[in-house]
Amino acid sequence: MLEEACLARFGTLRPQGPTPSLRSDNGLIFQSRRFRQACRDYRLQQEYITPYTPQQNGLIERFFRSLKEECVWQRSFRSFDEARRAVRQWIKWYNSGRPHQALGYMSPAEYRAQKLQQVA
């Protein structure tokens, strides 16, 4: 109901411009009527990887593997809110303090600082 009211008042949910693609695997959630309608509402084009080829979605598959191994599987959560807080905290650390192989085992913050020094 709220989404319909917003659409009626403000029009489309996305500003005008090129249509971004949303790439996903072939999971049931991404093929559901509700999800496909949300894509249309947000003017997103759906793009599916070839079935049974997770390597086509390698970056996000690797991210979720790290999230599960380093955060989710390390503890037993008592509530959904506790899990949400832990995941948010881990993502913040992942994006700033966690060393990444692709960055020469530097954290994103260290990598950015190094790049800034090279530019200056």
PDB file of N, CA and C in Angstrom:
ATOM      1  N   MET A   1       0.814  -1.196   0.000  1.00  0.00           N
ATOM      2  CA  MET A   1       0.000   0.000   0.000  1.00  0.00           C
ATOM      3  C   MET A   1       0.857   1.259   0.000  1.00  0.00           C
ATOM      4  N   LEU A   2       1.870   1.310   0.860  1.00  0.00           N
ATOM      5  CA  LEU A   2       2.730   2.478   0.936  1.00  0.00           C
ATOM      6  C   LEU A   2       3.455   2.691  -0.387  1.00  0.00           C
ATOM      7  N   GLU A   3       3.936   1.597  -0.978  1.00  0.00           N
ATOM      8  CA  GLU A   3       4.639   1.697  -2.257  1.00  0.00           C
ATOM      9  C   GLU A   3       3.714   2.239  -3.334  1.00  0.00           C
ATOM     10  N   GLU A   4       2.467   1.787  -3.343  1.00  0.00           N
ATOM     11  CA  GLU A   4       1.499   2.276  -4.323  1.00  0.00           C
ATOM     12  C   GLU A   4       1.226   3.758  -4.116  1.00  0.00           C
ATOM     13  N   ALA A   5       1.126   4.192  -2.858  1.00  0.00           N
ATOM     14  CA  ALA A   5       0.905   5.600  -2.559  1.00  0.00           C
ATOM     15  C   ALA A   5       2.083   6.449  -3.022  1.00  0.00           C
ATOM     16  N   CYS A   6       3.296   5.951  -2.817  1.00  0.00           N
ATOM     17  CA  CYS A   6       4.492   6.668  -3.277  1.00  0.00           C
ATOM     18  C   CYS A   6       4.504   6.771  -4.795  1.00  0.00           C
ATOM     19  N   LEU A   7       4.163   5.681  -5.466  1.00  0.00           N
ATOM     20  CA  LEU A   7       4.123   5.698  -6.928  1.00  0.00           C
ATOM     21  C   LEU A   7       3.102   6.715  -7.432  1.00  0.00           C
ATOM     22  N   ALA A   8       1.921   6.723  -6.786  1.00  0.00           N
ATOM     23  CA  ALA A   8       0.874   7.645  -7.204  1.00  0.00           C
ATOM     24  C   ALA A   8       1.308   9.095  -7.002  1.00  0.00           C
ATOM     25  N   ARG A   9       2.025   9.351  -5.936  1.00  0.00           N
ATOM     26  CA  ARG A   9       2.426  10.731  -5.617  1.00  0.00           C
ATOM     27  C   ARG A   9       3.683  11.175  -6.361  1.00  0.00           C
ATOM     28  N   PHE A  10       4.681  10.305  -6.440  1.00  0.00           N
ATOM     29  CA  PHE A  10       5.972  10.716  -6.970  1.00  0.00           C
ATOM     30  C   PHE A  10       6.312  10.117  -8.333  1.00  0.00           C
ATOM     31  N   GLY A  11       5.511   9.214  -8.843  1.00  0.00           N
ATOM     32  CA  GLY A  11       5.812   8.588 -10.130  1.00  0.00           C
ATOM     33  C   GLY A  11       6.745   7.413  -9.957  1.00  0.00           C
ATOM     34  N   THR A  12       7.675   7.244 -10.902  1.00  0.00           N
ATOM     35  CA  THR A  12       8.573   6.091 -10.855  1.00  0.00           C
ATOM     36  C   THR A  12       9.491   6.179  -9.642  1.00  0.00           C
ATOM     37  N   LEU A  13       9.975   5.030  -9.224  1.00  0.00           N
ATOM     38  CA  LEU A  13      10.838   4.961  -8.051  1.00  0.00           C
ATOM     39  C   LEU A  13      12.291   5.275  -8.376  1.00  0.00           C
ATOM     40  N   ARG A  14      12.651   5.274  -9.645  1.00  0.00           N
ATOM     41  CA  ARG A  14      14.012   5.562 -10.081  1.00  0.00           C
ATOM     42  C   ARG A  14      13.999   6.781 -10.972  1.00  0.00           C
ATOM     43  N   PRO A  15      15.015   7.622 -10.874  1.00  0.00           N
ATOM     44  CA  PRO A  15      15.074   8.764 -11.794  1.00  0.00           C
ATOM     45  C   PRO A  15      15.316   8.300 -13.229  1.00  0.00           C
ATOM     46  N   GLN A  16      15.118   9.197 -14.150  1.00  0.00           N
ATOM     47  CA  GLN A  16      15.314   8.888 -15.562  1.00  0.00           C
ATOM     48  C   GLN A  16      16.798   8.635 -15.833  1.00  0.00           C
ATOM     49  N   GLY A  17      17.090   7.905 -16.875  1.00  0.00           N
ATOM     50  CA  GLY A  17      18.469   7.630 -17.252  1.00  0.00           C
ATOM     51  C   GLY A  17      18.613   6.200 -17.724  1.00  0.00           C
ATOM     52  N   PRO A  18      19.862   5.771 -17.973  1.00  0.00           N
ATOM     53  CA  PRO A  18      20.090   4.399 -18.438  1.00  0.00           C
ATOM     54  C   PRO A  18      19.548   3.369 -17.450  1.00  0.00           C
ATOM     55  N   THR A  19      19.044   2.277 -17.972  1.00  0.00           N
ATOM     56  CA  THR A  19      18.482   1.225 -17.127  1.00  0.00           C
ATOM     57  C   THR A  19      19.596   0.305 -16.644  1.00  0.00           C
ATOM     58  N   PRO A  20      19.839   0.280 -15.324  1.00  0.00           N
ATOM     59  CA  PRO A  20      20.872  -0.635 -14.810  1.00  0.00           C
ATOM     60  C   PRO A  20      20.412  -2.084 -14.866  1.00  0.00           C
ATOM     61  N   SER A  21      21.371  -2.995 -14.946  1.00  0.00           N
ATOM     62  CA  SER A  21      21.072  -4.422 -14.931  1.00  0.00           C
ATOM     63  C   SER A  21      21.304  -4.980 -13.543  1.00  0.00           C
ATOM     64  N   LEU A  22      20.449  -5.886 -13.147  1.00  0.00           N
ATOM     65  CA  LEU A  22      20.585  -6.599 -11.891  1.00  0.00           C
ATOM     66  C   LEU A  22      20.911  -8.043 -12.245  1.00  0.00           C
ATOM     67  N   ARG A  23      22.134  -8.456 -11.969  1.00  0.00           N
ATOM     68  CA  ARG A  23      22.573  -9.810 -12.320  1.00  0.00           C
ATOM     69  C   ARG A  23      22.387 -10.720 -11.119  1.00  0.00           C
ATOM     70  N   SER A  24      21.819 -11.887 -11.357  1.00  0.00           N
ATOM     71  CA  SER A  24      21.586 -12.827 -10.259  1.00  0.00           C
ATOM     72  C   SER A  24      21.692 -14.253 -10.765  1.00  0.00           C
ATOM     73  N   ASP A  25      21.709 -15.162  -9.801  1.00  0.00           N
ATOM     74  CA  ASP A  25      21.628 -16.560 -10.190  1.00  0.00           C
ATOM     75  C   ASP A  25      20.170 -16.865 -10.513  1.00  0.00           C
ATOM     76  N   ASN A  26      19.845 -18.122 -10.677  1.00  0.00           N
ATOM     77  CA  ASN A  26      18.504 -18.513 -11.103  1.00  0.00           C
ATOM     78  C   ASN A  26      17.642 -18.994  -9.947  1.00  0.00           C
ATOM     79  N   GLY A  27      17.933 -18.490  -8.755  1.00  0.00           N
ATOM     80  CA  GLY A  27      17.170 -18.882  -7.576  1.00  0.00           C
ATOM     81  C   GLY A  27      15.707 -18.498  -7.692  1.00  0.00           C
ATOM     82  N   LEU A  28      14.869 -19.207  -6.963  1.00  0.00           N
ATOM     83  CA  LEU A  28      13.422 -18.984  -7.036  1.00  0.00           C
ATOM     84  C   LEU A  28      13.035 -17.562  -6.674  1.00  0.00           C
ATOM     85  N   ILE A  29      13.723 -16.959  -5.695  1.00  0.00           N
ATOM     86  CA  ILE A  29      13.364 -15.602  -5.280  1.00  0.00           C
ATOM     87  C   ILE A  29      13.495 -14.624  -6.440  1.00  0.00           C
ATOM     88  N   PHE A  30      14.509 -14.815  -7.286  1.00  0.00           N
ATOM     89  CA  PHE A  30      14.748 -13.884  -8.384  1.00  0.00           C
ATOM     90  C   PHE A  30      13.810 -14.114  -9.552  1.00  0.00           C
ATOM     91  N   GLN A  31      13.060 -15.198  -9.530  1.00  0.00           N
ATOM     92  CA  GLN A  31      12.106 -15.485 -10.599  1.00  0.00           C
ATOM     93  C   GLN A  31      10.665 -15.286 -10.140  1.00  0.00           C
ATOM     94  N   SER A  32      10.482 -14.904  -8.880  1.00  0.00           N
ATOM     95  CA  SER A  32       9.125 -14.746  -8.359  1.00  0.00           C
ATOM     96  C   SER A  32       8.438 -13.532  -8.985  1.00  0.00           C
ATOM     97  N   ARG A  33       7.117 -13.582  -9.031  1.00  0.00           N
ATOM     98  CA  ARG A  33       6.352 -12.462  -9.581  1.00  0.00           C
ATOM     99  C   ARG A  33       6.627 -11.179  -8.813  1.00  0.00           C
ATOM    100  N   ARG A  34       6.718 -11.300  -7.492  1.00  0.00           N
ATOM    101  CA  ARG A  34       6.925 -10.112  -6.653  1.00  0.00           C
ATOM    102  C   ARG A  34       8.285  -9.459  -6.931  1.00  0.00           C
ATOM    103  N   PHE A  35       9.315 -10.266  -7.056  1.00  0.00           N
ATOM    104  CA  PHE A  35      10.649  -9.726  -7.322  1.00  0.00           C
ATOM    105  C   PHE A  35      10.706  -9.105  -8.718  1.00  0.00           C
ATOM    106  N   ARG A  36      10.138  -9.798  -9.693  1.00  0.00           N
ATOM    107  CA  ARG A  36      10.140  -9.263 -11.053  1.00  0.00           C
ATOM    108  C   ARG A  36       9.366  -7.945 -11.128  1.00  0.00           C
ATOM    109  N   GLN A  37       8.276  -7.844 -10.358  1.00  0.00           N
ATOM    110  CA  GLN A  37       7.507  -6.598 -10.328  1.00  0.00           C
ATOM    111  C   GLN A  37       8.339  -5.485  -9.679  1.00  0.00           C
ATOM    112  N   ALA A  38       9.062  -5.818  -8.614  1.00  0.00           N
ATOM    113  CA  ALA A  38       9.934  -4.819  -7.976  1.00  0.00           C
ATOM    114  C   ALA A  38      10.986  -4.326  -8.969  1.00  0.00           C
ATOM    115  N   CYS A  39      11.535  -5.218  -9.774  1.00  0.00           N
ATOM    116  CA  CYS A  39      12.503  -4.816 -10.807  1.00  0.00           C
ATOM    117  C   CYS A  39      11.856  -3.851 -11.796  1.00  0.00           C
ATOM    118  N   ARG A  40      10.638  -4.156 -12.204  1.00  0.00           N
ATOM    119  CA  ARG A  40       9.946  -3.241 -13.120  1.00  0.00           C
ATOM    120  C   ARG A  40       9.686  -1.897 -12.441  1.00  0.00           C
ATOM    121  N   ASP A  41       9.264  -1.935 -11.175  1.00  0.00           N
ATOM    122  CA  ASP A  41       8.986  -0.693 -10.448  1.00  0.00           C
ATOM    123  C   ASP A  41      10.223   0.195 -10.342  1.00  0.00           C
ATOM    124  N   TYR A  42      11.375  -0.428 -10.126  1.00  0.00           N
ATOM    125  CA  TYR A  42      12.630   0.318  -9.995  1.00  0.00           C
ATOM    126  C   TYR A  42      13.352   0.497 -11.324  1.00  0.00           C
ATOM    127  N   ARG A  43      12.706   0.063 -12.402  1.00  0.00           N
ATOM    128  CA  ARG A  43      13.260   0.137 -13.751  1.00  0.00           C
ATOM    129  C   ARG A  43      14.620  -0.542 -13.835  1.00  0.00           C
ATOM    130  N   LEU A  44      14.715  -1.737 -13.295  1.00  0.00           N
ATOM    131  CA  LEU A  44      15.937  -2.540 -13.360  1.00  0.00           C
ATOM    132  C   LEU A  44      15.739  -3.656 -14.377  1.00  0.00           C
ATOM    133  N   GLN A  45      16.738  -3.883 -15.183  1.00  0.00           N
ATOM    134  CA  GLN A  45      16.695  -4.989 -16.135  1.00  0.00           C
ATOM    135  C   GLN A  45      17.292  -6.213 -15.452  1.00  0.00           C
ATOM    136  N   GLN A  46      16.602  -7.331 -15.505  1.00  0.00           N
ATOM    137  CA  GLN A  46      17.116  -8.564 -14.916  1.00  0.00           C
ATOM    138  C   GLN A  46      18.026  -9.274 -15.897  1.00  0.00           C
ATOM    139  N   GLU A  47      19.116  -9.805 -15.361  1.00  0.00           N
ATOM    140  CA  GLU A  47      20.060 -10.589 -16.142  1.00  0.00           C
ATOM    141  C   GLU A  47      20.419 -11.799 -15.291  1.00  0.00           C
ATOM    142  N   TYR A  48      20.301 -12.982 -15.855  1.00  0.00           N
ATOM    143  CA  TYR A  48      20.585 -14.211 -15.116  1.00  0.00           C
ATOM    144  C   TYR A  48      21.908 -14.819 -15.588  1.00  0.00           C
ATOM    145  N   ILE A  49      22.631 -15.418 -14.651  1.00  0.00           N
ATOM    146  CA  ILE A  49      23.825 -16.160 -15.035  1.00  0.00           C
ATOM    147  C   ILE A  49      23.383 -17.497 -15.631  1.00  0.00           C
ATOM    148  N   THR A  50      24.279 -18.150 -16.327  1.00  0.00           N
ATOM    149  CA  THR A  50      23.986 -19.473 -16.875  1.00  0.00           C
ATOM    150  C   THR A  50      23.771 -20.438 -15.713  1.00  0.00           C
ATOM    151  N   PRO A  51      22.726 -21.266 -15.752  1.00  0.00           N
ATOM    152  CA  PRO A  51      22.494 -22.196 -14.647  1.00  0.00           C
ATOM    153  C   PRO A  51      23.715 -23.057 -14.329  1.00  0.00           C
ATOM    154  N   TYR A  52      23.930 -23.268 -13.040  1.00  0.00           N
ATOM    155  CA  TYR A  52      24.998 -24.128 -12.514  1.00  0.00           C
ATOM    156  C   TYR A  52      26.399 -23.603 -12.836  1.00  0.00           C
ATOM    157  N   THR A  53      26.535 -22.287 -12.922  1.00  0.00           N
ATOM    158  CA  THR A  53      27.855 -21.689 -13.147  1.00  0.00           C
ATOM    159  C   THR A  53      28.075 -20.542 -12.155  1.00  0.00           C
ATOM    160  N   PRO A  54      28.274 -20.854 -10.870  1.00  0.00           N
ATOM    161  CA  PRO A  54      28.456 -19.794  -9.882  1.00  0.00           C
ATOM    162  C   PRO A  54      29.687 -18.937 -10.156  1.00  0.00           C
ATOM    163  N   GLN A  55      30.649 -19.444 -10.941  1.00  0.00           N
ATOM    164  CA  GLN A  55      31.828 -18.655 -11.258  1.00  0.00           C
ATOM    165  C   GLN A  55      31.466 -17.391 -12.040  1.00  0.00           C
ATOM    166  N   GLN A  56      30.291 -17.368 -12.681  1.00  0.00           N
ATOM    167  CA  GLN A  56      29.857 -16.163 -13.391  1.00  0.00           C
ATOM    168  C   GLN A  56      29.436 -15.068 -12.417  1.00  0.00           C
ATOM    169  N   ASN A  57      29.230 -15.415 -11.202  1.00  0.00           N
ATOM    170  CA  ASN A  57      28.846 -14.470 -10.162  1.00  0.00           C
ATOM    171  C   ASN A  57      29.926 -14.464  -9.085  1.00  0.00           C
ATOM    172  N   GLY A  58      31.170 -14.653  -9.493  1.00  0.00           N
ATOM    173  CA  GLY A  58      32.270 -14.914  -8.583  1.00  0.00           C
ATOM    174  C   GLY A  58      32.477 -13.903  -7.471  1.00  0.00           C
ATOM    175  N   LEU A  59      32.410 -12.616  -7.777  1.00  0.00           N
ATOM    176  CA  LEU A  59      32.678 -11.612  -6.744  1.00  0.00           C
ATOM    177  C   LEU A  59      31.688 -11.714  -5.589  1.00  0.00           C
ATOM    178  N   ILE A  60      30.422 -11.796  -5.905  1.00  0.00           N
ATOM    179  CA  ILE A  60      29.424 -11.829  -4.826  1.00  0.00           C
ATOM    180  C   ILE A  60      29.425 -13.181  -4.127  1.00  0.00           C
ATOM    181  N   GLU A  61      29.689 -14.257  -4.885  1.00  0.00           N
ATOM    182  CA  GLU A  61      29.780 -15.580  -4.257  1.00  0.00           C
ATOM    183  C   GLU A  61      30.920 -15.587  -3.236  1.00  0.00           C
ATOM    184  N   ARG A  62      32.047 -14.977  -3.584  1.00  0.00           N
ATOM    185  CA  ARG A  62      33.195 -14.929  -2.670  1.00  0.00           C
ATOM    186  C   ARG A  62      32.885 -14.063  -1.459  1.00  0.00           C
ATOM    187  N   PHE A  63      32.190 -12.954  -1.678  1.00  0.00           N
ATOM    188  CA  PHE A  63      31.801 -12.093  -0.559  1.00  0.00           C
ATOM    189  C   PHE A  63      30.919 -12.859   0.423  1.00  0.00           C
ATOM    190  N   PHE A  64      29.903 -13.555  -0.077  1.00  0.00           N
ATOM    191  CA  PHE A  64      29.010 -14.292   0.816  1.00  0.00           C
ATOM    192  C   PHE A  64      29.730 -15.441   1.514  1.00  0.00           C
ATOM    193  N   ARG A  65      30.670 -16.058   0.843  1.00  0.00           N
ATOM    194  CA  ARG A  65      31.456 -17.105   1.510  1.00  0.00           C
ATOM    195  C   ARG A  65      32.230 -16.521   2.686  1.00  0.00           C
ATOM    196  N   SER A  66      32.880 -15.379   2.468  1.00  0.00           N
ATOM    197  CA  SER A  66      33.616 -14.722   3.553  1.00  0.00           C
ATOM    198  C   SER A  66      32.680 -14.318   4.677  1.00  0.00           C
ATOM    199  N   LEU A  67      31.539 -13.764   4.340  1.00  0.00           N
ATOM    200  CA  LEU A  67      30.559 -13.362   5.362  1.00  0.00           C
ATOM    201  C   LEU A  67      30.148 -14.549   6.222  1.00  0.00           C
ATOM    202  N   LYS A  68      29.861 -15.665   5.574  1.00  0.00           N
ATOM    203  CA  LYS A  68      29.442 -16.851   6.328  1.00  0.00           C
ATOM    204  C   LYS A  68      30.581 -17.403   7.185  1.00  0.00           C
ATOM    205  N   GLU A  69      31.768 -17.535   6.587  1.00  0.00           N
ATOM    206  CA  GLU A  69      32.889 -18.131   7.318  1.00  0.00           C
ATOM    207  C   GLU A  69      33.401 -17.249   8.447  1.00  0.00           C
ATOM    208  N   GLU A  70      33.454 -15.951   8.234  1.00  0.00           N
ATOM    209  CA  GLU A  70      34.070 -15.047   9.194  1.00  0.00           C
ATOM    210  C   GLU A  70      33.096 -14.427  10.187  1.00  0.00           C
ATOM    211  N   CYS A  71      31.816 -14.490   9.893  1.00  0.00           N
ATOM    212  CA  CYS A  71      30.845 -13.835  10.776  1.00  0.00           C
ATOM    213  C   CYS A  71      29.728 -14.779  11.226  1.00  0.00           C
ATOM    214  N   VAL A  72      28.939 -15.227  10.282  1.00  0.00           N
ATOM    215  CA  VAL A  72      27.707 -15.949  10.613  1.00  0.00           C
ATOM    216  C   VAL A  72      27.969 -17.291  11.288  1.00  0.00           C
ATOM    217  N   TRP A  73      28.899 -18.084  10.742  1.00  0.00           N
ATOM    218  CA  TRP A  73      29.143 -19.418  11.290  1.00  0.00           C
ATOM    219  C   TRP A  73      29.972 -19.385  12.572  1.00  0.00           C
ATOM    220  N   GLN A  74      30.476 -18.236  12.960  1.00  0.00           N
ATOM    221  CA  GLN A  74      31.327 -18.125  14.146  1.00  0.00           C
ATOM    222  C   GLN A  74      30.531 -17.978  15.435  1.00  0.00           C
ATOM    223  N   ARG A  75      29.248 -17.745  15.333  1.00  0.00           N
ATOM    224  CA  ARG A  75      28.453 -17.502  16.543  1.00  0.00           C
ATOM    225  C   ARG A  75      27.036 -18.035  16.413  1.00  0.00           C
ATOM    226  N   SER A  76      26.393 -18.086  17.522  1.00  0.00           N
ATOM    227  CA  SER A  76      24.998 -18.517  17.575  1.00  0.00           C
ATOM    228  C   SER A  76      24.176 -17.298  17.996  1.00  0.00           C
ATOM    229  N   PHE A  77      23.326 -16.827  17.131  1.00  0.00           N
ATOM    230  CA  PHE A  77      22.556 -15.620  17.400  1.00  0.00           C
ATOM    231  C   PHE A  77      21.281 -15.953  18.159  1.00  0.00           C
ATOM    232  N   ARG A  78      20.939 -15.104  19.095  1.00  0.00           N
ATOM    233  CA  ARG A  78      19.711 -15.303  19.880  1.00  0.00           C
ATOM    234  C   ARG A  78      18.495 -14.679  19.232  1.00  0.00           C
ATOM    235  N   SER A  79      18.734 -13.732  18.321  1.00  0.00           N
ATOM    236  CA  SER A  79      17.611 -13.067  17.658  1.00  0.00           C
ATOM    237  C   SER A  79      18.040 -12.576  16.290  1.00  0.00           C
ATOM    238  N   PHE A  80      17.060 -12.253  15.487  1.00  0.00           N
ATOM    239  CA  PHE A  80      17.340 -11.716  14.161  1.00  0.00           C
ATOM    240  C   PHE A  80      18.040 -10.358  14.288  1.00  0.00           C
ATOM    241  N   ASP A  81      17.609  -9.537  15.247  1.00  0.00           N
ATOM    242  CA  ASP A  81      18.236  -8.230  15.442  1.00  0.00           C
ATOM    243  C   ASP A  81      19.710  -8.359  15.806  1.00  0.00           C
ATOM    244  N   GLU A  82      20.039  -9.327  16.641  1.00  0.00           N
ATOM    245  CA  GLU A  82      21.438  -9.562  16.998  1.00  0.00           C
ATOM    246  C   GLU A  82      22.243  -9.964  15.763  1.00  0.00           C
ATOM    247  N   ALA A  83      21.688 -10.816  14.939  1.00  0.00           N
ATOM    248  CA  ALA A  83      22.362 -11.237  13.708  1.00  0.00           C
ATOM    249  C   ALA A  83      22.532 -10.047  12.770  1.00  0.00           C
ATOM    250  N   ARG A  84      21.506  -9.243  12.637  1.00  0.00           N
ATOM    251  CA  ARG A  84      21.575  -8.073  11.760  1.00  0.00           C
ATOM    252  C   ARG A  84      22.675  -7.113  12.220  1.00  0.00           C
ATOM    253  N   ARG A  85      22.763  -6.866  13.525  1.00  0.00           N
ATOM    254  CA  ARG A  85      23.821  -5.988  14.047  1.00  0.00           C
ATOM    255  C   ARG A  85      25.204  -6.552  13.757  1.00  0.00           C
ATOM    256  N   ALA A  86      25.374  -7.851  13.980  1.00  0.00           N
ATOM    257  CA  ALA A  86      26.679  -8.489  13.747  1.00  0.00           C
ATOM    258  C   ALA A  86      27.064  -8.435  12.271  1.00  0.00           C
ATOM    259  N   VAL A  87      26.114  -8.690  11.400  1.00  0.00           N
ATOM    260  CA  VAL A  87      26.397  -8.654   9.959  1.00  0.00           C
ATOM    261  C   VAL A  87      26.723  -7.228   9.522  1.00  0.00           C
ATOM    262  N   ARG A  88      25.963  -6.252  10.001  1.00  0.00           N
ATOM    263  CA  ARG A  88      26.261  -4.855   9.656  1.00  0.00           C
ATOM    264  C   ARG A  88      27.650  -4.452  10.136  1.00  0.00           C
ATOM    265  N   GLN A  89      28.005  -4.852  11.329  1.00  0.00           N
ATOM    266  CA  GLN A  89      29.326  -4.533  11.876  1.00  0.00           C
ATOM    267  C   GLN A  89      30.418  -5.211  11.039  1.00  0.00           C
ATOM    268  N   TRP A  90      30.206  -6.457  10.662  1.00  0.00           N
ATOM    269  CA  TRP A  90      31.187  -7.174   9.853  1.00  0.00           C
ATOM    270  C   TRP A  90      31.346  -6.506   8.486  1.00  0.00           C
ATOM    271  N   ILE A  91      30.239  -6.111   7.860  1.00  0.00           N
ATOM    272  CA  ILE A  91      30.310  -5.462   6.545  1.00  0.00           C
ATOM    273  C   ILE A  91      31.080  -4.146   6.649  1.00  0.00           C
ATOM    274  N   LYS A  92      30.844  -3.404   7.708  1.00  0.00           N
ATOM    275  CA  LYS A  92      31.586  -2.152   7.913  1.00  0.00           C
ATOM    276  C   LYS A  92      33.087  -2.451   8.014  1.00  0.00           C
ATOM    277  N   TRP A  93      33.452  -3.477   8.779  1.00  0.00           N
ATOM    278  CA  TRP A  93      34.849  -3.876   8.917  1.00  0.00           C
ATOM    279  C   TRP A  93      35.405  -4.376   7.580  1.00  0.00           C
ATOM    280  N   TYR A  94      34.613  -5.166   6.859  1.00  0.00           N
ATOM    281  CA  TYR A  94      35.022  -5.703   5.557  1.00  0.00           C
ATOM    282  C   TYR A  94      35.363  -4.567   4.588  1.00  0.00           C
ATOM    283  N   ASN A  95      34.563  -3.512   4.612  1.00  0.00           N
ATOM    284  CA  ASN A  95      34.746  -2.391   3.694  1.00  0.00           C
ATOM    285  C   ASN A  95      35.790  -1.379   4.140  1.00  0.00           C
ATOM    286  N   SER A  96      36.325  -1.545   5.355  1.00  0.00           N
ATOM    287  CA  SER A  96      37.314  -0.565   5.811  1.00  0.00           C
ATOM    288  C   SER A  96      38.571  -1.200   6.399  1.00  0.00           C
ATOM    289  N   GLY A  97      38.431  -2.172   7.287  1.00  0.00           N
ATOM    290  CA  GLY A  97      39.584  -2.669   8.028  1.00  0.00           C
ATOM    291  C   GLY A  97      40.097  -4.049   7.674  1.00  0.00           C
ATOM    292  N   ARG A  98      39.318  -4.850   6.989  1.00  0.00           N
ATOM    293  CA  ARG A  98      39.723  -6.233   6.691  1.00  0.00           C
ATOM    294  C   ARG A  98      40.730  -6.276   5.552  1.00  0.00           C
ATOM    295  N   PRO A  99      41.856  -6.979   5.737  1.00  0.00           N
ATOM    296  CA  PRO A  99      42.810  -7.138   4.635  1.00  0.00           C
ATOM    297  C   PRO A  99      42.189  -7.953   3.488  1.00  0.00           C
ATOM    298  N   HIS A 100      42.446  -7.510   2.254  1.00  0.00           N
ATOM    299  CA  HIS A 100      41.923  -8.178   1.065  1.00  0.00           C
ATOM    300  C   HIS A 100      43.079  -8.652   0.199  1.00  0.00           C
ATOM    301  N   GLN A 101      42.996  -9.869  -0.267  1.00  0.00           N
ATOM    302  CA  GLN A 101      44.030 -10.417  -1.132  1.00  0.00           C
ATOM    303  C   GLN A 101      44.197  -9.559  -2.388  1.00  0.00           C
ATOM    304  N   ALA A 102      43.097  -9.123  -2.970  1.00  0.00           N
ATOM    305  CA  ALA A 102      43.141  -8.332  -4.201  1.00  0.00           C
ATOM    306  C   ALA A 102      43.820  -6.980  -4.000  1.00  0.00           C
ATOM    307  N   LEU A 103      43.951  -6.547  -2.745  1.00  0.00           N
ATOM    308  CA  LEU A 103      44.602  -5.270  -2.443  1.00  0.00           C
ATOM    309  C   LEU A 103      45.997  -5.487  -1.857  1.00  0.00           C
ATOM    310  N   GLY A 104      46.575  -6.645  -2.135  1.00  0.00           N
ATOM    311  CA  GLY A 104      47.908  -6.938  -1.604  1.00  0.00           C
ATOM    312  C   GLY A 104      47.891  -7.126  -0.095  1.00  0.00           C
ATOM    313  N   TYR A 105      46.806  -7.689   0.402  1.00  0.00           N
ATOM    314  CA  TYR A 105      46.595  -7.952   1.830  1.00  0.00           C
ATOM    315  C   TYR A 105      46.598  -6.674   2.667  1.00  0.00           C
ATOM    316  N   MET A 106      46.189  -5.572   2.039  1.00  0.00           N
ATOM    317  CA  MET A 106      45.954  -4.336   2.784  1.00  0.00           C
ATOM    318  C   MET A 106      44.454  -4.196   2.992  1.00  0.00           C
ATOM    319  N   SER A 107      44.092  -3.427   4.005  1.00  0.00           N
ATOM    320  CA  SER A 107      42.675  -3.119   4.193  1.00  0.00           C
ATOM    321  C   SER A 107      42.294  -2.042   3.177  1.00  0.00           C
ATOM    322  N   PRO A 108      41.014  -1.899   2.880  1.00  0.00           N
ATOM    323  CA  PRO A 108      40.607  -0.830   1.962  1.00  0.00           C
ATOM    324  C   PRO A 108      41.061   0.554   2.441  1.00  0.00           C
ATOM    325  N   ALA A 109      41.017   0.780   3.742  1.00  0.00           N
ATOM    326  CA  ALA A 109      41.468   2.076   4.267  1.00  0.00           C
ATOM    327  C   ALA A 109      42.962   2.278   4.007  1.00  0.00           C
ATOM    328  N   GLU A 110      43.768   1.248   4.253  1.00  0.00           N
ATOM    329  CA  GLU A 110      45.209   1.338   3.986  1.00  0.00           C
ATOM    330  C   GLU A 110      45.477   1.540   2.499  1.00  0.00           C
ATOM    331  N   TYR A 111      44.748   0.830   1.666  1.00  0.00           N
ATOM    332  CA  TYR A 111      44.923   0.918   0.220  1.00  0.00           C
ATOM    333  C   TYR A 111      44.600   2.330  -0.278  1.00  0.00           C
ATOM    334  N   ARG A 112      43.469   2.890   0.204  1.00  0.00           N
ATOM    335  CA  ARG A 112      43.100   4.251  -0.191  1.00  0.00           C
ATOM    336  C   ARG A 112      44.155   5.254   0.265  1.00  0.00           C
ATOM    337  N   ALA A 113      44.637   5.110   1.497  1.00  0.00           N
ATOM    338  CA  ALA A 113      45.667   6.020   2.015  1.00  0.00           C
ATOM    339  C   ALA A 113      46.932   5.949   1.170  1.00  0.00           C
ATOM    340  N   GLN A 114      47.325   4.750   0.788  1.00  0.00           N
ATOM    341  CA  GLN A 114      48.516   4.580  -0.043  1.00  0.00           C
ATOM    342  C   GLN A 114      48.324   5.246  -1.398  1.00  0.00           C
ATOM    343  N   LYS A 115      47.142   5.056  -2.002  1.00  0.00           N
ATOM    344  CA  LYS A 115      46.862   5.657  -3.308  1.00  0.00           C
ATOM    345  C   LYS A 115      46.849   7.182  -3.217  1.00  0.00           C
ATOM    346  N   LEU A 116      46.322   7.726  -2.130  1.00  0.00           N
ATOM    347  CA  LEU A 116      46.312   9.177  -1.940  1.00  0.00           C
ATOM    348  C   LEU A 116      47.734   9.721  -1.832  1.00  0.00           C
ATOM    349  N   GLN A 117      48.605   8.988  -1.154  1.00  0.00           N
ATOM    350  CA  GLN A 117      49.993   9.420  -1.035  1.00  0.00           C
ATOM    351  C   GLN A 117      50.692   9.401  -2.381  1.00  0.00           C
ATOM    352  N   GLN A 118      50.372   8.418  -3.209  1.00  0.00           N
ATOM    353  CA  GLN A 118      50.990   8.324  -4.535  1.00  0.00           C
ATOM    354  C   GLN A 118      50.553   9.483  -5.444  1.00  0.00           C
ATOM    355  N   VAL A 119      49.306   9.931  -5.264  1.00  0.00           N
ATOM    356  CA  VAL A 119      48.773  11.003  -6.081  1.00  0.00           C
ATOM    357  C   VAL A 119      49.331  12.355  -5.629  1.00  0.00           C
ATOM    358  N   ALA A 120      49.526  12.503  -4.319  1.00  0.00           N
ATOM    359  CA  ALA A 120      49.977  13.794  -3.764  1.00  0.00           C
ATOM    360  C   ALA A 120      51.417  14.104  -4.035  1.00  0.00           C
TER     361      ALA A 120
END
